[in-house]
Amino acid sequence: MSIATPPTIPIPRKRWEKVLKEPTKRKKPKKEKEFRLVYVRIETKDGKTVGESAKELEIRFKEFSPARLIEPDETNLLLAVEKFLKDNPPRIYVVELTDGISRWFYVFPSAEKIKFEKKRVFVVKKKDAVKEILERIVSGEFSKKFKLDFLTILQILIGFAPFVITYITGEKSFQNLFNYLLWAVAIISAIQGIKKGYKEKSWEE
């Protein structure tokens, strides 16, 4: 006895050709969330060692449950920062305590700004840029005499350019000066974008 099979339903040629031609939709990569990496360097006072001064600092940071690293390299410091980045905090503090010989680091996230006398703020747009920032910190670049890199000097020159142009041309029109300033701001913003995924500031919003 033969078993009856269901009839084959033909698919119109135009229909399956349309399906083949239809391009697959690619998902757009998610835009990385911007955050602040705040670096603070604290020098011990009154001849105290790092170990002696650390007690006071640790009491101050107790509520943040910081990760403490003694004489870390950039890899260990990066691992500590990445651990906190998983929760996408608005800012991460990297606090260095030093007596000129030893260096202890405290890493912790914070939703609120913390007051320090001096700080360096890195507005990070790409997480890949964190490694470069930490390499600069570990190398001791910020403990040396202040130096201006080429891009920073270029930005300063561009910032003064509108006033120089106005002075040379003898223009007194406020509108023209305003247009020059807009031009300068646009170029400075473009230069900031060249800096591998982050902007550097000396203040925190």
Protein backbone atom coordinates (compact mmCIF):
# COMPACT_ATOMS: atom_id res chain seq x y z
CA MET A 1 0.00 0.00 0.00
CA SER A 2 1.54 3.33 -1.03
CA ILE A 3 1.69 6.19 1.45
CA ALA A 4 0.25 9.45 0.19
CA THR A 5 2.67 12.37 0.37
CA PRO A 6 1.53 15.97 0.64
CA PRO A 7 1.64 17.91 -2.61
CA THR A 8 4.61 20.22 -3.23
CA ILE A 9 3.64 23.85 -3.14
CA PRO A 10 5.63 25.78 -5.73
CA ILE A 11 7.07 29.16 -4.68
CA PRO A 12 6.78 31.85 -7.33
CA ARG A 13 10.14 32.66 -8.86
CA LYS A 14 9.82 36.41 -8.26
CA ARG A 15 9.16 35.83 -4.59
CA TRP A 16 12.29 33.77 -3.82
CA GLU A 17 14.44 35.98 -6.04
CA LYS A 18 13.31 38.95 -3.90
CA VAL A 19 14.29 37.10 -0.73
CA LEU A 20 17.74 36.33 -2.11
CA LYS A 21 18.33 39.90 -3.21
CA GLU A 22 17.12 41.44 0.06
CA PRO A 23 20.24 42.56 1.99
CA THR A 24 20.65 41.46 5.56
CA LYS A 25 20.36 44.28 8.05
CA ARG A 26 23.54 44.91 9.98
CA LYS A 27 23.27 45.99 13.55
CA LYS A 28 24.98 49.28 14.26
CA PRO A 29 27.69 48.98 16.90
CA LYS A 30 26.65 50.52 20.20
CA LYS A 31 28.20 53.87 20.93
CA GLU A 32 30.52 53.68 23.91
CA LYS A 33 29.37 55.63 26.92
CA GLU A 34 31.56 58.59 27.82
CA PHE A 35 33.02 58.72 31.32
CA ARG A 36 35.60 60.63 33.37
CA LEU A 37 38.85 59.14 34.57
CA VAL A 38 40.15 61.45 37.28
CA TYR A 39 43.81 61.25 38.28
CA VAL A 40 44.95 62.75 41.57
CA ARG A 41 48.54 62.83 42.85
CA ILE A 42 49.04 63.39 46.58
CA GLU A 43 52.47 63.88 48.12
CA THR A 44 53.02 63.02 51.78
CA LYS A 45 53.83 65.86 54.18
CA ASP A 46 56.06 66.36 57.23
CA GLY A 47 58.42 63.60 56.15
CA LYS A 48 55.77 60.90 56.55
CA THR A 49 56.11 57.65 54.66
CA VAL A 50 53.39 56.40 52.33
CA GLY A 51 52.38 53.75 54.89
CA GLU A 52 51.84 56.38 57.59
CA SER A 53 49.85 58.74 55.36
CA ALA A 54 47.81 55.92 53.82
CA LYS A 55 45.77 55.40 57.01
CA GLU A 56 44.23 58.87 56.82
CA LEU A 57 43.52 58.50 53.13
CA GLU A 58 41.93 55.07 53.52
CA ILE A 59 39.56 56.40 56.20
CA ARG A 60 38.49 59.13 53.77
CA PHE A 61 37.90 56.66 50.93
CA LYS A 62 36.34 53.90 53.08
CA GLU A 63 32.79 54.39 51.74
CA PHE A 64 34.02 53.84 48.15
CA SER A 65 35.64 50.44 48.86
CA PRO A 66 38.72 51.29 46.76
CA ALA A 67 41.16 48.83 45.24
CA ARG A 68 44.64 49.45 46.65
CA LEU A 69 47.69 48.74 44.50
CA ILE A 70 51.28 49.07 45.68
CA GLU A 71 53.86 49.93 43.01
CA PRO A 72 51.63 48.62 40.17
CA ASP A 73 52.52 48.46 36.50
CA GLU A 74 50.07 49.70 33.87
CA THR A 75 48.61 46.20 33.38
CA ASN A 76 47.58 45.78 37.03
CA LEU A 77 46.25 49.33 37.15
CA LEU A 78 44.25 48.70 33.98
CA LEU A 79 42.72 45.52 35.44
CA ALA A 80 41.61 47.47 38.53
CA VAL A 81 39.99 50.19 36.40
CA GLU A 82 38.30 47.69 34.06
CA LYS A 83 36.77 45.91 37.04
CA PHE A 84 34.82 49.06 37.92
CA LEU A 85 34.06 49.94 34.30
CA LYS A 86 31.72 46.94 34.06
CA ASP A 87 29.09 48.94 35.99
CA ASN A 88 29.47 51.98 33.69
CA PRO A 89 30.14 54.58 36.41
CA PRO A 90 30.17 58.29 35.40
CA ARG A 91 33.70 58.66 36.80
CA ILE A 92 36.57 56.60 38.14
CA TYR A 93 39.22 58.04 40.43
CA VAL A 94 42.85 56.96 40.30
CA VAL A 95 44.54 58.45 43.37
CA GLU A 96 48.30 58.18 43.74
CA LEU A 97 49.92 58.60 47.17
CA THR A 98 53.70 59.03 47.10
CA ASP A 99 56.57 60.11 49.31
CA GLY A 100 58.91 60.44 46.35
CA ILE A 101 60.09 56.85 46.71
CA SER A 102 57.07 54.57 47.07
CA ARG A 103 53.83 54.85 45.10
CA TRP A 104 50.46 53.52 46.27
CA PHE A 105 47.36 53.78 44.10
CA TYR A 106 43.69 53.76 45.05
CA VAL A 107 41.11 53.08 42.35
CA PHE A 108 37.36 53.53 42.89
CA PRO A 109 34.21 54.72 41.10
CA SER A 110 32.09 57.63 42.28
CA ALA A 111 28.79 59.08 41.14
CA GLU A 112 29.63 62.41 42.76
CA LYS A 113 32.63 64.70 42.36
CA ILE A 114 35.24 64.53 45.11
CA LYS A 115 37.12 67.66 46.07
CA PHE A 116 40.90 67.63 45.61
CA GLU A 117 43.39 70.50 45.41
CA LYS A 118 44.78 69.35 42.08
CA LYS A 119 43.49 66.82 39.57
CA ARG A 120 43.69 65.81 35.95
CA VAL A 121 40.43 64.88 34.27
CA PHE A 122 40.34 62.67 31.20
CA VAL A 123 37.03 62.65 29.33
CA VAL A 124 37.18 59.15 27.85
CA LYS A 125 35.11 58.45 24.74
CA LYS A 126 36.70 55.12 23.86
CA LYS A 127 37.60 52.54 26.49
CA ASP A 128 40.65 51.59 24.43
CA ALA A 129 42.09 54.97 25.37
CA VAL A 130 42.22 54.04 29.07
CA LYS A 131 45.36 51.98 28.56
CA GLU A 132 47.28 54.92 27.11
CA ILE A 133 46.18 57.22 29.95
CA LEU A 134 47.27 54.72 32.61
CA GLU A 135 50.61 54.22 30.88
CA ARG A 136 51.18 57.97 31.15
CA ILE A 137 50.25 57.90 34.84
CA VAL A 138 52.48 54.94 35.71
CA SER A 139 55.41 56.41 33.77
CA GLY A 140 55.35 59.38 36.17
CA GLU A 141 54.74 61.85 33.34
CA PHE A 142 52.57 64.09 35.52
CA SER A 143 55.10 64.30 38.34
CA LYS A 144 57.65 65.89 36.03
CA LYS A 145 57.92 69.50 35.00
CA PHE A 146 54.96 70.75 33.03
CA LYS A 147 55.38 70.21 29.30
CA LEU A 148 53.17 71.16 26.39
CA ASP A 149 52.75 68.72 23.56
CA PHE A 150 52.46 69.81 19.93
CA LEU A 151 48.66 69.55 19.76
CA THR A 152 48.21 71.61 22.94
CA ILE A 153 50.51 74.35 21.61
CA LEU A 154 48.59 74.32 18.33
CA GLN A 155 45.29 74.75 20.19
CA ILE A 156 46.66 77.71 22.17
CA LEU A 157 47.87 79.41 18.97
CA ILE A 158 44.50 78.87 17.28
CA GLY A 159 42.75 80.26 20.35
CA PHE A 160 44.71 83.52 20.04
CA ALA A 161 44.39 83.68 16.25
CA PRO A 162 40.98 85.49 16.14
CA PHE A 163 42.31 88.36 18.27
CA VAL A 164 45.53 88.61 16.23
CA ILE A 165 43.60 88.61 12.95
CA THR A 166 41.23 91.27 14.25
CA TYR A 167 44.17 93.44 15.39
CA ILE A 168 46.11 93.10 12.10
CA THR A 169 43.11 93.80 9.87
CA GLY A 170 41.97 96.67 12.09
CA GLU A 171 38.41 95.34 12.20
CA LYS A 172 36.31 96.57 15.10
CA SER A 173 33.19 94.62 14.26
CA PHE A 174 32.06 92.39 17.11
CA GLN A 175 30.30 90.14 14.60
CA ASN A 176 33.54 89.43 12.73
CA LEU A 177 35.38 88.66 15.96
CA PHE A 178 32.55 86.32 16.99
CA ASN A 179 32.79 84.52 13.63
CA TYR A 180 36.55 84.11 14.06
CA LEU A 181 36.01 82.68 17.54
CA LEU A 182 33.49 80.16 16.22
CA TRP A 183 36.01 79.14 13.58
CA ALA A 184 38.72 78.69 16.24
CA VAL A 185 36.46 76.64 18.52
CA ALA A 186 35.52 74.33 15.65
CA ILE A 187 39.18 73.67 14.77
CA ILE A 188 40.17 73.14 18.42
CA SER A 189 37.34 70.62 18.80
CA ALA A 190 38.59 68.77 15.72
CA ILE A 191 42.13 68.68 17.15
CA GLN A 192 40.79 67.31 20.44
CA GLY A 193 39.26 64.46 18.45
CA ILE A 194 42.71 63.53 17.13
CA LYS A 195 43.82 62.66 20.66
CA LYS A 196 43.10 58.96 20.73
CA GLY A 197 39.59 58.82 22.13
CA TYR A 198 39.92 61.19 25.09
CA LYS A 199 40.18 64.83 26.10
CA GLU A 200 42.36 66.12 28.91
CA LYS A 201 41.31 68.85 31.36
CA SER A 202 42.51 70.32 34.62
CA TRP A 203 39.00 70.76 36.02
CA GLU A 204 35.91 68.61 36.50
CA GLU A 205 32.34 69.59 35.56
